[in-house]
PDB file of N, CA and C in Angstrom:
ATOM      1  N   UNK A   1      10.026 -26.088  -4.133  1.00  0.00           N
ATOM      2  CA  UNK A   1      11.145 -25.410  -4.735  1.00  0.00           C
ATOM      3  C   UNK A   1      10.956 -25.483  -6.244  1.00  0.00           C
ATOM      4  N   UNK A   2      11.173 -24.368  -6.907  1.00  0.00           N
ATOM      5  CA  UNK A   2      11.070 -24.325  -8.367  1.00  0.00           C
ATOM      6  C   UNK A   2      12.152 -23.382  -8.905  1.00  0.00           C
ATOM      7  N   UNK A   3      12.566 -23.594 -10.131  1.00  0.00           N
ATOM      8  CA  UNK A   3      13.604 -22.728 -10.714  1.00  0.00           C
ATOM      9  C   UNK A   3      13.136 -21.276 -10.786  1.00  0.00           C
ATOM     10  N   UNK A   4      14.067 -20.354 -10.602  1.00  0.00           N
ATOM     11  CA  UNK A   4      13.771 -18.928 -10.709  1.00  0.00           C
ATOM     12  C   UNK A   4      13.935 -18.449 -12.143  1.00  0.00           C
ATOM     13  N   UNK A   5      13.942 -17.135 -12.312  1.00  0.00           N
ATOM     14  CA  UNK A   5      14.056 -16.548 -13.652  1.00  0.00           C
ATOM     15  C   UNK A   5      15.468 -16.652 -14.212  1.00  0.00           C
ATOM     16  N   UNK A   6      16.473 -16.624 -13.363  1.00  0.00           N
ATOM     17  CA  UNK A   6      17.865 -16.673 -13.817  1.00  0.00           C
ATOM     18  C   UNK A   6      18.464 -18.044 -13.504  1.00  0.00           C
ATOM     19  N   UNK A   7      19.576 -18.334 -14.149  1.00  0.00           N
ATOM     20  CA  UNK A   7      20.286 -19.586 -13.864  1.00  0.00           C
ATOM     21  C   UNK A   7      20.791 -19.553 -12.424  1.00  0.00           C
ATOM     22  N   UNK A   8      20.788 -20.692 -11.767  1.00  0.00           N
ATOM     23  CA  UNK A   8      21.241 -20.824 -10.375  1.00  0.00           C
ATOM     24  C   UNK A   8      20.388 -20.045  -9.382  1.00  0.00           C
ATOM     25  N   UNK A   9      19.127 -19.775  -9.714  1.00  0.00           N
ATOM     26  CA  UNK A   9      18.176 -19.174  -8.778  1.00  0.00           C
ATOM     27  C   UNK A   9      17.017 -20.135  -8.576  1.00  0.00           C
ATOM     28  N   UNK A  10      16.529 -20.170  -7.342  1.00  0.00           N
ATOM     29  CA  UNK A  10      15.401 -21.037  -7.005  1.00  0.00           C
ATOM     30  C   UNK A  10      14.442 -20.293  -6.091  1.00  0.00           C
ATOM     31  N   UNK A  11      13.150 -20.453  -6.351  1.00  0.00           N
ATOM     32  CA  UNK A  11      12.113 -19.899  -5.499  1.00  0.00           C
ATOM     33  C   UNK A  11      11.661 -21.010  -4.546  1.00  0.00           C
ATOM     34  N   UNK A  12      11.684 -20.691  -3.245  1.00  0.00           N
ATOM     35  CA  UNK A  12      11.392 -21.686  -2.220  1.00  0.00           C
ATOM     36  C   UNK A  12      10.265 -21.168  -1.338  1.00  0.00           C
ATOM     37  N   UNK A  13       9.274 -22.020  -1.076  1.00  0.00           N
ATOM     38  CA  UNK A  13       8.152 -21.683  -0.211  1.00  0.00           C
ATOM     39  C   UNK A  13       8.205 -22.576   1.019  1.00  0.00           C
ATOM     40  N   UNK A  14       8.199 -21.965   2.214  1.00  0.00           N
ATOM     41  CA  UNK A  14       8.276 -22.709   3.469  1.00  0.00           C
ATOM     42  C   UNK A  14       7.167 -22.232   4.395  1.00  0.00           C
ATOM     43  N   UNK A  15       6.698 -23.126   5.234  1.00  0.00           N
ATOM     44  CA  UNK A  15       5.701 -22.790   6.247  1.00  0.00           C
ATOM     45  C   UNK A  15       6.345 -22.933   7.616  1.00  0.00           C
ATOM     46  N   UNK A  16       5.906 -22.106   8.577  1.00  0.00           N
ATOM     47  CA  UNK A  16       6.508 -22.163   9.905  1.00  0.00           C
ATOM     48  C   UNK A  16       5.454 -22.033  10.992  1.00  0.00           C
ATOM     49  N   UNK A  17       5.791 -22.572  12.159  1.00  0.00           N
ATOM     50  CA  UNK A  17       5.029 -22.409  13.387  1.00  0.00           C
ATOM     51  C   UNK A  17       6.063 -22.146  14.468  1.00  0.00           C
ATOM     52  N   UNK A  18       6.031 -20.953  15.049  1.00  0.00           N
ATOM     53  CA  UNK A  18       7.030 -20.535  16.023  1.00  0.00           C
ATOM     54  C   UNK A  18       6.362 -20.314  17.370  1.00  0.00           C
ATOM     55  N   UNK A  19       6.928 -20.920  18.399  1.00  0.00           N
ATOM     56  CA  UNK A  19       6.454 -20.749  19.773  1.00  0.00           C
ATOM     57  C   UNK A  19       7.567 -20.096  20.569  1.00  0.00           C
ATOM     58  N   UNK A  20       7.246 -19.027  21.275  1.00  0.00           N
ATOM     59  CA  UNK A  20       8.228 -18.330  22.107  1.00  0.00           C
ATOM     60  C   UNK A  20       7.628 -18.120  23.488  1.00  0.00           C
ATOM     61  N   UNK A  21       8.351 -18.522  24.518  1.00  0.00           N
ATOM     62  CA  UNK A  21       7.884 -18.289  25.887  1.00  0.00           C
ATOM     63  C   UNK A  21       8.816 -17.295  26.576  1.00  0.00           C
ATOM     64  N   UNK A  22       8.216 -16.513  27.439  1.00  0.00           N
ATOM     65  CA  UNK A  22       8.967 -15.508  28.193  1.00  0.00           C
ATOM     66  C   UNK A  22       8.521 -15.626  29.651  1.00  0.00           C
ATOM     67  N   UNK A  23       9.354 -16.277  30.446  1.00  0.00           N
ATOM     68  CA  UNK A  23       8.977 -16.503  31.834  1.00  0.00           C
ATOM     69  C   UNK A  23       7.938 -17.603  31.922  1.00  0.00           C
ATOM     70  N   UNK A  24       7.135 -17.558  32.975  1.00  0.00           N
ATOM     71  CA  UNK A  24       6.120 -18.602  33.177  1.00  0.00           C
ATOM     72  C   UNK A  24       4.746 -18.227  32.666  1.00  0.00           C
ATOM     73  N   UNK A  25       4.541 -16.954  32.331  1.00  0.00           N
ATOM     74  CA  UNK A  25       3.178 -16.530  32.002  1.00  0.00           C
ATOM     75  C   UNK A  25       2.997 -16.012  30.578  1.00  0.00           C
ATOM     76  N   UNK A  26       4.042 -15.517  29.954  1.00  0.00           N
ATOM     77  CA  UNK A  26       3.899 -14.944  28.615  1.00  0.00           C
ATOM     78  C   UNK A  26       4.367 -15.914  27.544  1.00  0.00           C
ATOM     79  N   UNK A  27       3.591 -15.996  26.459  1.00  0.00           N
ATOM     80  CA  UNK A  27       4.028 -16.796  25.314  1.00  0.00           C
ATOM     81  C   UNK A  27       3.412 -16.219  24.043  1.00  0.00           C
ATOM     82  N   UNK A  28       4.063 -16.482  22.936  1.00  0.00           N
ATOM     83  CA  UNK A  28       3.603 -16.043  21.621  1.00  0.00           C
ATOM     84  C   UNK A  28       3.658 -17.225  20.670  1.00  0.00           C
ATOM     85  N   UNK A  29       2.691 -17.295  19.783  1.00  0.00           N
ATOM     86  CA  UNK A  29       2.685 -18.302  18.722  1.00  0.00           C
ATOM     87  C   UNK A  29       2.463 -17.567  17.406  1.00  0.00           C
ATOM     88  N   UNK A  30       3.368 -17.811  16.461  1.00  0.00           N
ATOM     89  CA  UNK A  30       3.229 -17.231  15.130  1.00  0.00           C
ATOM     90  C   UNK A  30       3.213 -18.353  14.114  1.00  0.00           C
ATOM     91  N   UNK A  31       2.291 -18.270  13.190  1.00  0.00           N
ATOM     92  CA  UNK A  31       2.238 -19.221  12.073  1.00  0.00           C
ATOM     93  C   UNK A  31       2.239 -18.409  10.789  1.00  0.00           C
ATOM     94  N   UNK A  32       2.829 -18.971   9.769  1.00  0.00           N
ATOM     95  CA  UNK A  32       2.851 -18.238   8.512  1.00  0.00           C
ATOM     96  C   UNK A  32       3.632 -18.936   7.422  1.00  0.00           C
ATOM     97  N   UNK A  33       3.956 -18.162   6.413  1.00  0.00           N
ATOM     98  CA  UNK A  33       4.632 -18.669   5.223  1.00  0.00           C
ATOM     99  C   UNK A  33       5.801 -17.749   4.890  1.00  0.00           C
ATOM    100  N   UNK A  34       6.852 -18.348   4.349  1.00  0.00           N
ATOM    101  CA  UNK A  34       8.030 -17.589   3.947  1.00  0.00           C
ATOM    102  C   UNK A  34       8.344 -17.928   2.500  1.00  0.00           C
ATOM    103  N   UNK A  35       8.484 -16.893   1.661  1.00  0.00           N
ATOM    104  CA  UNK A  35       8.876 -17.059   0.265  1.00  0.00           C
ATOM    105  C   UNK A  35      10.289 -16.509   0.097  1.00  0.00           C
ATOM    106  N   UNK A  36      11.190 -17.362  -0.349  1.00  0.00           N
ATOM    107  CA  UNK A  36      12.590 -16.971  -0.513  1.00  0.00           C
ATOM    108  C   UNK A  36      13.023 -17.147  -1.965  1.00  0.00           C
ATOM    109  N   UNK A  37      13.936 -16.290  -2.388  1.00  0.00           N
ATOM    110  CA  UNK A  37      14.641 -16.467  -3.646  1.00  0.00           C
ATOM    111  C   UNK A  37      16.088 -16.771  -3.276  1.00  0.00           C
ATOM    112  N   UNK A  38      16.552 -17.977  -3.588  1.00  0.00           N
ATOM    113  CA  UNK A  38      17.904 -18.396  -3.261  1.00  0.00           C
ATOM    114  C   UNK A  38      18.766 -18.371  -4.508  1.00  0.00           C
ATOM    115  N   UNK A  39      19.998 -17.868  -4.352  1.00  0.00           N
ATOM    116  CA  UNK A  39      20.952 -17.808  -5.464  1.00  0.00           C
ATOM    117  C   UNK A  39      22.187 -18.611  -5.095  1.00  0.00           C
ATOM    118  N   UNK A  40      22.632 -19.447  -6.008  1.00  0.00           N
ATOM    119  CA  UNK A  40      23.897 -20.146  -5.807  1.00  0.00           C
ATOM    120  C   UNK A  40      25.004 -19.185  -6.223  1.00  0.00           C
ATOM    121  N   UNK A  41      25.880 -18.822  -5.289  1.00  0.00           N
ATOM    122  CA  UNK A  41      26.942 -17.865  -5.604  1.00  0.00           C
ATOM    123  C   UNK A  41      28.259 -18.575  -5.932  1.00  0.00           C
ATOM    124  N   UNK A  42      28.391 -19.804  -5.468  1.00  0.00           N
ATOM    125  CA  UNK A  42      29.502 -20.679  -5.853  1.00  0.00           C
ATOM    126  C   UNK A  42      29.150 -22.073  -5.359  1.00  0.00           C
ATOM    127  N   UNK A  43      29.922 -23.026  -5.729  1.00  0.00           N
ATOM    128  CA  UNK A  43      29.626 -24.409  -5.364  1.00  0.00           C
ATOM    129  C   UNK A  43      29.514 -24.558  -3.842  1.00  0.00           C
ATOM    130  N   UNK A  44      28.359 -24.985  -3.404  1.00  0.00           N
ATOM    131  CA  UNK A  44      28.127 -25.194  -1.977  1.00  0.00           C
ATOM    132  C   UNK A  44      27.759 -23.956  -1.187  1.00  0.00           C
ATOM    133  N   UNK A  45      27.633 -22.799  -1.833  1.00  0.00           N
ATOM    134  CA  UNK A  45      27.318 -21.551  -1.129  1.00  0.00           C
ATOM    135  C   UNK A  45      26.071 -20.908  -1.741  1.00  0.00           C
ATOM    136  N   UNK A  46      25.141 -20.535  -0.885  1.00  0.00           N
ATOM    137  CA  UNK A  46      23.886 -19.930  -1.315  1.00  0.00           C
ATOM    138  C   UNK A  46      23.711 -18.574  -0.636  1.00  0.00           C
ATOM    139  N   UNK A  47      22.926 -17.725  -1.287  1.00  0.00           N
ATOM    140  CA  UNK A  47      22.636 -16.396  -0.770  1.00  0.00           C
ATOM    141  C   UNK A  47      21.132 -16.164  -0.894  1.00  0.00           C
ATOM    142  N   UNK A  48      20.553 -15.517   0.109  1.00  0.00           N
ATOM    143  CA  UNK A  48      19.136 -15.150   0.037  1.00  0.00           C
ATOM    144  C   UNK A  48      19.036 -13.858  -0.766  1.00  0.00           C
ATOM    145  N   UNK A  49      18.389 -13.925  -1.913  1.00  0.00           N
ATOM    146  CA  UNK A  49      18.221 -12.756  -2.771  1.00  0.00           C
ATOM    147  C   UNK A  49      16.999 -11.933  -2.398  1.00  0.00           C
ATOM    148  N   UNK A  50      15.981 -12.614  -1.873  1.00  0.00           N
ATOM    149  CA  UNK A  50      14.736 -11.930  -1.488  1.00  0.00           C
ATOM    150  C   UNK A  50      14.028 -12.808  -0.466  1.00  0.00           C
ATOM    151  N   UNK A  51      13.413 -12.198   0.515  1.00  0.00           N
ATOM    152  CA  UNK A  51      12.627 -12.945   1.505  1.00  0.00           C
ATOM    153  C   UNK A  51      11.362 -12.169   1.809  1.00  0.00           C
ATOM    154  N   UNK A  52      10.226 -12.850   1.733  1.00  0.00           N
ATOM    155  CA  UNK A  52       8.932 -12.281   2.097  1.00  0.00           C
ATOM    156  C   UNK A  52       8.329 -13.169   3.163  1.00  0.00           C
ATOM    157  N   UNK A  53       7.915 -12.574   4.275  1.00  0.00           N
ATOM    158  CA  UNK A  53       7.311 -13.320   5.373  1.00  0.00           C
ATOM    159  C   UNK A  53       5.862 -12.871   5.507  1.00  0.00           C
ATOM    160  N   UNK A  54       4.950 -13.830   5.484  1.00  0.00           N
ATOM    161  CA  UNK A  54       3.519 -13.564   5.641  1.00  0.00           C
ATOM    162  C   UNK A  54       3.049 -14.253   6.912  1.00  0.00           C
ATOM    163  N   UNK A  55       2.702 -13.458   7.937  1.00  0.00           N
ATOM    164  CA  UNK A  55       2.220 -14.018   9.192  1.00  0.00           C
ATOM    165  C   UNK A  55       0.714 -14.181   9.085  1.00  0.00           C
ATOM    166  N   UNK A  56       0.223 -15.356   9.450  1.00  0.00           N
ATOM    167  CA  UNK A  56      -1.180 -15.722   9.273  1.00  0.00           C
ATOM    168  C   UNK A  56      -2.020 -15.307  10.484  1.00  0.00           C
ATOM    169  N   UNK A  57      -1.961 -14.016  10.811  1.00  0.00           N
ATOM    170  CA  UNK A  57      -2.748 -13.471  11.902  1.00  0.00           C
ATOM    171  C   UNK A  57      -3.210 -12.077  11.493  1.00  0.00           C
ATOM    172  N   UNK A  58      -4.466 -11.764  11.772  1.00  0.00           N
ATOM    173  CA  UNK A  58      -4.984 -10.436  11.436  1.00  0.00           C
ATOM    174  C   UNK A  58      -4.431  -9.380  12.385  1.00  0.00           C
ATOM    175  N   UNK A  59      -4.277  -9.736  13.670  1.00  0.00           N
ATOM    176  CA  UNK A  59      -3.748  -8.827  14.672  1.00  0.00           C
ATOM    177  C   UNK A  59      -2.634  -9.532  15.419  1.00  0.00           C
ATOM    178  N   UNK A  60      -1.480  -8.914  15.480  1.00  0.00           N
ATOM    179  CA  UNK A  60      -0.343  -9.488  16.205  1.00  0.00           C
ATOM    180  C   UNK A  60      -0.322  -8.859  17.593  1.00  0.00           C
ATOM    181  N   UNK A  61      -0.534  -9.686  18.610  1.00  0.00           N
ATOM    182  CA  UNK A  61      -0.609  -9.184  19.977  1.00  0.00           C
ATOM    183  C   UNK A  61       0.729  -9.223  20.704  1.00  0.00           C
ATOM    184  N   UNK A  62       1.763  -9.685  20.058  1.00  0.00           N
ATOM    185  CA  UNK A  62       3.087  -9.756  20.671  1.00  0.00           C
ATOM    186  C   UNK A  62       3.628  -8.362  20.949  1.00  0.00           C
ATOM    187  N   UNK A  63       4.429  -8.234  21.993  1.00  0.00           N
ATOM    188  CA  UNK A  63       5.035  -6.955  22.319  1.00  0.00           C
ATOM    189  C   UNK A  63       6.135  -6.591  21.322  1.00  0.00           C
ATOM    190  N   UNK A  64       6.757  -7.611  20.701  1.00  0.00           N
ATOM    191  CA  UNK A  64       7.777  -7.362  19.698  1.00  0.00           C
ATOM    192  C   UNK A  64       7.893  -8.595  18.804  1.00  0.00           C
ATOM    193  N   UNK A  65       8.622  -8.458  17.717  1.00  0.00           N
ATOM    194  CA  UNK A  65       8.870  -9.573  16.799  1.00  0.00           C
ATOM    195  C   UNK A  65      10.360  -9.853  16.743  1.00  0.00           C
ATOM    196  N   UNK A  66      10.964 -10.054  17.883  1.00  0.00           N
ATOM    197  CA  UNK A  66      12.413 -10.298  17.919  1.00  0.00           C
ATOM    198  C   UNK A  66      12.703 -11.779  17.728  1.00  0.00           C
ATOM    199  N   UNK A  67      12.335 -12.272  16.558  1.00  0.00           N
ATOM    200  CA  UNK A  67      12.588 -13.674  16.201  1.00  0.00           C
ATOM    201  C   UNK A  67      12.988 -13.714  14.743  1.00  0.00           C
ATOM    202  N   UNK A  68      13.844 -14.650  14.402  1.00  0.00           N
ATOM    203  CA  UNK A  68      14.215 -14.849  13.006  1.00  0.00           C
ATOM    204  C   UNK A  68      13.339 -15.938  12.431  1.00  0.00           C
ATOM    205  N   UNK A  69      12.701 -15.649  11.334  1.00  0.00           N
ATOM    206  CA  UNK A  69      11.837 -16.627  10.696  1.00  0.00           C
ATOM    207  C   UNK A  69      12.630 -17.298   9.625  1.00  0.00           C
TER     208      UNK A  69
END
């Protein structure tokens, strides 16, 4: 986490590994990185100003991407 360009903004870098199973035979694994810009809108409340998701796979074989990263 590092300060952003404006006051009360922070740039945050996170890594993820997501496993999703569908029934007994289908499964998906996604790994990647998420870059977020978080803004404090009031004491104790934050808002996502920007989100970039980079999936670390050249070809995504999943039938869909119905997951929240």
